[in-house]
Amino acid sequence: MVMSPFSPPSLFEHTFDHAVVYGDAEKEVVLHEGSVRILGNGWVEVSDGRVFSPNAVHHIDGER
């Protein structure tokens, strides 16, 4: 099955008012800092409209 970042909303979505999205374990590659929505399909939508695939994101540190 192919999942799109624009799939319908899910019960498993999480929103963070302020978060840092990292692309590596060492916290050296910052992909985004600001509000973040983690979609039910694993994609990460950030405040400027970009979306990151689950493969691009190592982890997210955030506050709800």
PDB file of N, CA and C in Angstrom:
ATOM      1  N   MET A   1       0.840  -1.168   0.000  1.00  0.00           N
ATOM      2  CA  MET A   1       0.000   0.000   0.000  1.00  0.00           C
ATOM      3  C   MET A   1       0.895   1.244   0.000  1.00  0.00           C
ATOM      4  N   VAL A   2       0.512   2.231  -0.742  1.00  0.00           N
ATOM      5  CA  VAL A   2       1.242   3.494  -0.818  1.00  0.00           C
ATOM      6  C   VAL A   2       0.521   4.512   0.064  1.00  0.00           C
ATOM      7  N   MET A   3       1.279   5.167   0.930  1.00  0.00           N
ATOM      8  CA  MET A   3       0.702   6.178   1.821  1.00  0.00           C
ATOM      9  C   MET A   3       1.171   7.551   1.375  1.00  0.00           C
ATOM     10  N   SER A   4       0.272   8.477   1.359  1.00  0.00           N
ATOM     11  CA  SER A   4       0.584   9.853   0.996  1.00  0.00           C
ATOM     12  C   SER A   4       0.641  10.705   2.255  1.00  0.00           C
ATOM     13  N   PRO A   5       1.455  11.751   2.268  1.00  0.00           N
ATOM     14  CA  PRO A   5       1.444  12.641   3.426  1.00  0.00           C
ATOM     15  C   PRO A   5       0.129  13.384   3.568  1.00  0.00           C
ATOM     16  N   PHE A   6      -0.708  13.307   2.556  1.00  0.00           N
ATOM     17  CA  PHE A   6      -1.983  14.018   2.564  1.00  0.00           C
ATOM     18  C   PHE A   6      -3.152  13.071   2.774  1.00  0.00           C
ATOM     19  N   SER A   7      -2.912  11.927   3.410  1.00  0.00           N
ATOM     20  CA  SER A   7      -3.964  10.968   3.731  1.00  0.00           C
ATOM     21  C   SER A   7      -4.919  11.590   4.745  1.00  0.00           C
ATOM     22  N   PRO A   8      -6.136  11.050   4.847  1.00  0.00           N
ATOM     23  CA  PRO A   8      -7.102  11.596   5.808  1.00  0.00           C
ATOM     24  C   PRO A   8      -6.569  11.567   7.237  1.00  0.00           C
ATOM     25  N   PRO A   9      -7.058  12.459   8.095  1.00  0.00           N
ATOM     26  CA  PRO A   9      -6.591  12.500   9.482  1.00  0.00           C
ATOM     27  C   PRO A   9      -6.807  11.167  10.193  1.00  0.00           C
ATOM     28  N   SER A  10      -5.988  10.943  11.188  1.00  0.00           N
ATOM     29  CA  SER A  10      -6.018   9.694  11.929  1.00  0.00           C
ATOM     30  C   SER A  10      -6.088   9.985  13.417  1.00  0.00           C
ATOM     31  N   LEU A  11      -6.527   9.005  14.180  1.00  0.00           N
ATOM     32  CA  LEU A  11      -6.552   9.142  15.633  1.00  0.00           C
ATOM     33  C   LEU A  11      -5.156   9.158  16.223  1.00  0.00           C
ATOM     34  N   PHE A  12      -4.166   8.783  15.434  1.00  0.00           N
ATOM     35  CA  PHE A  12      -2.812   8.666  15.921  1.00  0.00           C
ATOM     36  C   PHE A  12      -1.952   9.890  15.634  1.00  0.00           C
ATOM     37  N   GLU A  13      -2.559  10.997  15.249  1.00  0.00           N
ATOM     38  CA  GLU A  13      -1.797  12.208  14.991  1.00  0.00           C
ATOM     39  C   GLU A  13      -1.396  12.876  16.298  1.00  0.00           C
ATOM     40  N   HIS A  14      -0.217  13.514  16.285  1.00  0.00           N
ATOM     41  CA  HIS A  14       0.272  14.252  17.442  1.00  0.00           C
ATOM     42  C   HIS A  14       0.732  15.616  16.978  1.00  0.00           C
ATOM     43  N   THR A  15       0.432  16.629  17.767  1.00  0.00           N
ATOM     44  CA  THR A  15       0.842  17.993  17.447  1.00  0.00           C
ATOM     45  C   THR A  15       1.718  18.532  18.566  1.00  0.00           C
ATOM     46  N   PHE A  16       2.798  19.194  18.194  1.00  0.00           N
ATOM     47  CA  PHE A  16       3.699  19.826  19.140  1.00  0.00           C
ATOM     48  C   PHE A  16       3.759  21.310  18.815  1.00  0.00           C
ATOM     49  N   ASP A  17       3.579  22.158  19.826  1.00  0.00           N
ATOM     50  CA  ASP A  17       3.668  23.606  19.620  1.00  0.00           C
ATOM     51  C   ASP A  17       5.098  24.032  19.329  1.00  0.00           C
ATOM     52  N   HIS A  18       6.034  23.384  19.994  1.00  0.00           N
ATOM     53  CA  HIS A  18       7.440  23.665  19.723  1.00  0.00           C
ATOM     54  C   HIS A  18       8.201  22.352  19.760  1.00  0.00           C
ATOM     55  N   ALA A  19       8.890  22.058  18.682  1.00  0.00           N
ATOM     56  CA  ALA A  19       9.665  20.824  18.593  1.00  0.00           C
ATOM     57  C   ALA A  19      10.891  21.050  17.732  1.00  0.00           C
ATOM     58  N   VAL A  20      11.850  20.159  17.894  1.00  0.00           N
ATOM     59  CA  VAL A  20      13.030  20.154  17.036  1.00  0.00           C
ATOM     60  C   VAL A  20      13.057  18.799  16.342  1.00  0.00           C
ATOM     61  N   VAL A  21      13.103  18.826  15.011  1.00  0.00           N
ATOM     62  CA  VAL A  21      13.122  17.608  14.200  1.00  0.00           C
ATOM     63  C   VAL A  21      14.561  17.366  13.771  1.00  0.00           C
ATOM     64  N   TYR A  22      15.081  16.201  14.152  1.00  0.00           N
ATOM     65  CA  TYR A  22      16.470  15.858  13.850  1.00  0.00           C
ATOM     66  C   TYR A  22      16.555  14.797  12.764  1.00  0.00           C
ATOM     67  N   GLY A  23      17.584  14.905  11.949  1.00  0.00           N
ATOM     68  CA  GLY A  23      17.825  13.933  10.896  1.00  0.00           C
ATOM     69  C   GLY A  23      18.885  12.919  11.250  1.00  0.00           C
ATOM     70  N   ASP A  24      19.474  13.050  12.465  1.00  0.00           N
ATOM     71  CA  ASP A  24      20.514  12.112  12.880  1.00  0.00           C
ATOM     72  C   ASP A  24      20.478  11.927  14.393  1.00  0.00           C
ATOM     73  N   ALA A  25      21.111  10.861  14.874  1.00  0.00           N
ATOM     74  CA  ALA A  25      21.113  10.536  16.302  1.00  0.00           C
ATOM     75  C   ALA A  25      21.964  11.493  17.122  1.00  0.00           C
ATOM     76  N   GLU A  26      22.958  12.099  16.527  1.00  0.00           N
ATOM     77  CA  GLU A  26      23.877  12.983  17.245  1.00  0.00           C
ATOM     78  C   GLU A  26      23.310  14.386  17.446  1.00  0.00           C
ATOM     79  N   LYS A  27      22.144  14.660  16.943  1.00  0.00           N
ATOM     80  CA  LYS A  27      21.484  15.970  17.040  1.00  0.00           C
ATOM     81  C   LYS A  27      22.288  17.062  16.357  1.00  0.00           C
ATOM     82  N   GLU A  28      22.979  16.714  15.286  1.00  0.00           N
ATOM     83  CA  GLU A  28      23.754  17.690  14.524  1.00  0.00           C
ATOM     84  C   GLU A  28      22.983  18.205  13.308  1.00  0.00           C
ATOM     85  N   VAL A  29      22.075  17.391  12.769  1.00  0.00           N
ATOM     86  CA  VAL A  29      21.312  17.773  11.585  1.00  0.00           C
ATOM     87  C   VAL A  29      19.896  18.152  12.027  1.00  0.00           C
ATOM     88  N   VAL A  30      19.634  19.458  12.116  1.00  0.00           N
ATOM     89  CA  VAL A  30      18.313  19.959  12.493  1.00  0.00           C
ATOM     90  C   VAL A  30      17.529  20.200  11.212  1.00  0.00           C
ATOM     91  N   LEU A  31      16.426  19.475  11.045  1.00  0.00           N
ATOM     92  CA  LEU A  31      15.599  19.639   9.853  1.00  0.00           C
ATOM     93  C   LEU A  31      14.580  20.755  10.014  1.00  0.00           C
ATOM     94  N   HIS A  32      14.136  20.970  11.266  1.00  0.00           N
ATOM     95  CA  HIS A  32      13.119  21.996  11.509  1.00  0.00           C
ATOM     96  C   HIS A  32      13.051  22.292  12.996  1.00  0.00           C
ATOM     97  N   GLU A  33      12.724  23.543  13.327  1.00  0.00           N
ATOM     98  CA  GLU A  33      12.440  23.928  14.704  1.00  0.00           C
ATOM     99  C   GLU A  33      11.195  24.793  14.690  1.00  0.00           C
ATOM    100  N   GLY A  34      10.184  24.411  15.454  1.00  0.00           N
ATOM    101  CA  GLY A  34       8.910  25.121  15.480  1.00  0.00           C
ATOM    102  C   GLY A  34       7.770  24.142  15.670  1.00  0.00           C
ATOM    103  N   SER A  35       6.565  24.539  15.249  1.00  0.00           N
ATOM    104  CA  SER A  35       5.417  23.654  15.422  1.00  0.00           C
ATOM    105  C   SER A  35       5.488  22.485  14.432  1.00  0.00           C
ATOM    106  N   VAL A  36       5.014  21.330  14.897  1.00  0.00           N
ATOM    107  CA  VAL A  36       5.127  20.090  14.139  1.00  0.00           C
ATOM    108  C   VAL A  36       3.854  19.271  14.334  1.00  0.00           C
ATOM    109  N   ARG A  37       3.419  18.618  13.269  1.00  0.00           N
ATOM    110  CA  ARG A  37       2.317  17.666  13.368  1.00  0.00           C
ATOM    111  C   ARG A  37       2.797  16.344  12.802  1.00  0.00           C
ATOM    112  N   ILE A  38       2.719  15.304  13.619  1.00  0.00           N
ATOM    113  CA  ILE A  38       3.084  13.967  13.171  1.00  0.00           C
ATOM    114  C   ILE A  38       1.803  13.287  12.710  1.00  0.00           C
ATOM    115  N   LEU A  39       1.751  12.964  11.433  1.00  0.00           N
ATOM    116  CA  LEU A  39       0.560  12.365  10.853  1.00  0.00           C
ATOM    117  C   LEU A  39       0.480  10.881  11.187  1.00  0.00           C
ATOM    118  N   GLY A  40      -0.703  10.333  11.121  1.00  0.00           N
ATOM    119  CA  GLY A  40      -0.927   8.934  11.453  1.00  0.00           C
ATOM    120  C   GLY A  40      -0.163   7.964  10.584  1.00  0.00           C
ATOM    121  N   ASN A  41       0.246   8.405   9.404  1.00  0.00           N
ATOM    122  CA  ASN A  41       0.986   7.526   8.499  1.00  0.00           C
ATOM    123  C   ASN A  41       2.498   7.665   8.659  1.00  0.00           C
ATOM    124  N   GLY A  42       2.937   8.452   9.662  1.00  0.00           N
ATOM    125  CA  GLY A  42       4.364   8.582   9.940  1.00  0.00           C
ATOM    126  C   GLY A  42       5.029   9.806   9.346  1.00  0.00           C
ATOM    127  N   TRP A  43       4.396  10.457   8.405  1.00  0.00           N
ATOM    128  CA  TRP A  43       4.980  11.665   7.818  1.00  0.00           C
ATOM    129  C   TRP A  43       4.928  12.788   8.844  1.00  0.00           C
ATOM    130  N   VAL A  44       5.839  13.744   8.728  1.00  0.00           N
ATOM    131  CA  VAL A  44       5.930  14.858   9.662  1.00  0.00           C
ATOM    132  C   VAL A  44       5.676  16.152   8.891  1.00  0.00           C
ATOM    133  N   GLU A  45       4.635  16.880   9.292  1.00  0.00           N
ATOM    134  CA  GLU A  45       4.289  18.156   8.655  1.00  0.00           C
ATOM    135  C   GLU A  45       4.761  19.279   9.567  1.00  0.00           C
ATOM    136  N   VAL A  46       5.480  20.248   9.002  1.00  0.00           N
ATOM    137  CA  VAL A  46       5.999  21.358   9.790  1.00  0.00           C
ATOM    138  C   VAL A  46       5.269  22.649   9.439  1.00  0.00           C
ATOM    139  N   SER A  47       5.480  23.671  10.259  1.00  0.00           N
ATOM    140  CA  SER A  47       4.688  24.901  10.174  1.00  0.00           C
ATOM    141  C   SER A  47       4.780  25.641   8.849  1.00  0.00           C
ATOM    142  N   ASP A  48       5.865  25.466   8.105  1.00  0.00           N
ATOM    143  CA  ASP A  48       5.970  26.179   6.827  1.00  0.00           C
ATOM    144  C   ASP A  48       5.385  25.386   5.660  1.00  0.00           C
ATOM    145  N   GLY A  49       4.706  24.271   5.959  1.00  0.00           N
ATOM    146  CA  GLY A  49       4.027  23.503   4.921  1.00  0.00           C
ATOM    147  C   GLY A  49       4.806  22.333   4.362  1.00  0.00           C
ATOM    148  N   ARG A  50       6.089  22.235   4.701  1.00  0.00           N
ATOM    149  CA  ARG A  50       6.875  21.101   4.214  1.00  0.00           C
ATOM    150  C   ARG A  50       6.462  19.838   4.950  1.00  0.00           C
ATOM    151  N   VAL A  51       6.692  18.705   4.303  1.00  0.00           N
ATOM    152  CA  VAL A  51       6.489  17.412   4.954  1.00  0.00           C
ATOM    153  C   VAL A  51       7.760  16.585   4.798  1.00  0.00           C
ATOM    154  N   PHE A  52       8.089  15.850   5.851  1.00  0.00           N
ATOM    155  CA  PHE A  52       9.253  14.979   5.844  1.00  0.00           C
ATOM    156  C   PHE A  52       8.791  13.539   5.899  1.00  0.00           C
ATOM    157  N   SER A  53       9.413  12.701   5.101  1.00  0.00           N
ATOM    158  CA  SER A  53       9.097  11.281   5.132  1.00  0.00           C
ATOM    159  C   SER A  53       9.619  10.688   6.435  1.00  0.00           C
ATOM    160  N   PRO A  54       9.016   9.596   6.898  1.00  0.00           N
ATOM    161  CA  PRO A  54       9.507   8.946   8.107  1.00  0.00           C
ATOM    162  C   PRO A  54      10.965   8.508   7.984  1.00  0.00           C
ATOM    163  N   ASN A  55      11.437   8.252   6.783  1.00  0.00           N
ATOM    164  CA  ASN A  55      12.822   7.838   6.575  1.00  0.00           C
ATOM    165  C   ASN A  55      13.817   8.985   6.771  1.00  0.00           C
ATOM    166  N   ALA A  56      13.371  10.219   6.634  1.00  0.00           N
ATOM    167  CA  ALA A  56      14.262  11.372   6.752  1.00  0.00           C
ATOM    168  C   ALA A  56      14.446  11.828   8.200  1.00  0.00           C
ATOM    169  N   VAL A  57      13.500  11.469   9.072  1.00  0.00           N
ATOM    170  CA  VAL A  57      13.505  11.944  10.450  1.00  0.00           C
ATOM    171  C   VAL A  57      14.052  10.866  11.374  1.00  0.00           C
ATOM    172  N   HIS A  58      15.091  11.218  12.139  1.00  0.00           N
ATOM    173  CA  HIS A  58      15.617  10.270  13.126  1.00  0.00           C
ATOM    174  C   HIS A  58      14.783  10.328  14.403  1.00  0.00           C
ATOM    175  N   HIS A  59      14.560  11.534  14.924  1.00  0.00           N
ATOM    176  CA  HIS A  59      13.707  11.682  16.097  1.00  0.00           C
ATOM    177  C   HIS A  59      13.269  13.132  16.246  1.00  0.00           C
ATOM    178  N   ILE A  60      12.290  13.308  17.127  1.00  0.00           N
ATOM    179  CA  ILE A  60      11.722  14.636  17.383  1.00  0.00           C
ATOM    180  C   ILE A  60      11.711  14.865  18.890  1.00  0.00           C
ATOM    181  N   ASP A  61      12.246  15.992  19.315  1.00  0.00           N
ATOM    182  CA  ASP A  61      12.150  16.432  20.712  1.00  0.00           C
ATOM    183  C   ASP A  61      11.115  17.537  20.741  1.00  0.00           C
ATOM    184  N   GLY A  62      10.052  17.366  21.521  1.00  0.00           N
ATOM    185  CA  GLY A  62       9.022  18.393  21.500  1.00  0.00           C
ATOM    186  C   GLY A  62       8.232  18.525  22.762  1.00  0.00           C
ATOM    187  N   GLU A  63       7.501  19.642  22.827  1.00  0.00           N
ATOM    188  CA  GLU A  63       6.584  19.948  23.917  1.00  0.00           C
ATOM    189  C   GLU A  63       5.182  20.042  23.348  1.00  0.00           C
ATOM    190  N   ARG A  64       4.250  19.430  24.035  1.00  0.00           N
ATOM    191  CA  ARG A  64       2.857  19.506  23.572  1.00  0.00           C
ATOM    192  C   ARG A  64       2.153  20.706  24.127  1.00  0.00           C
TER     193      ARG A  64
END
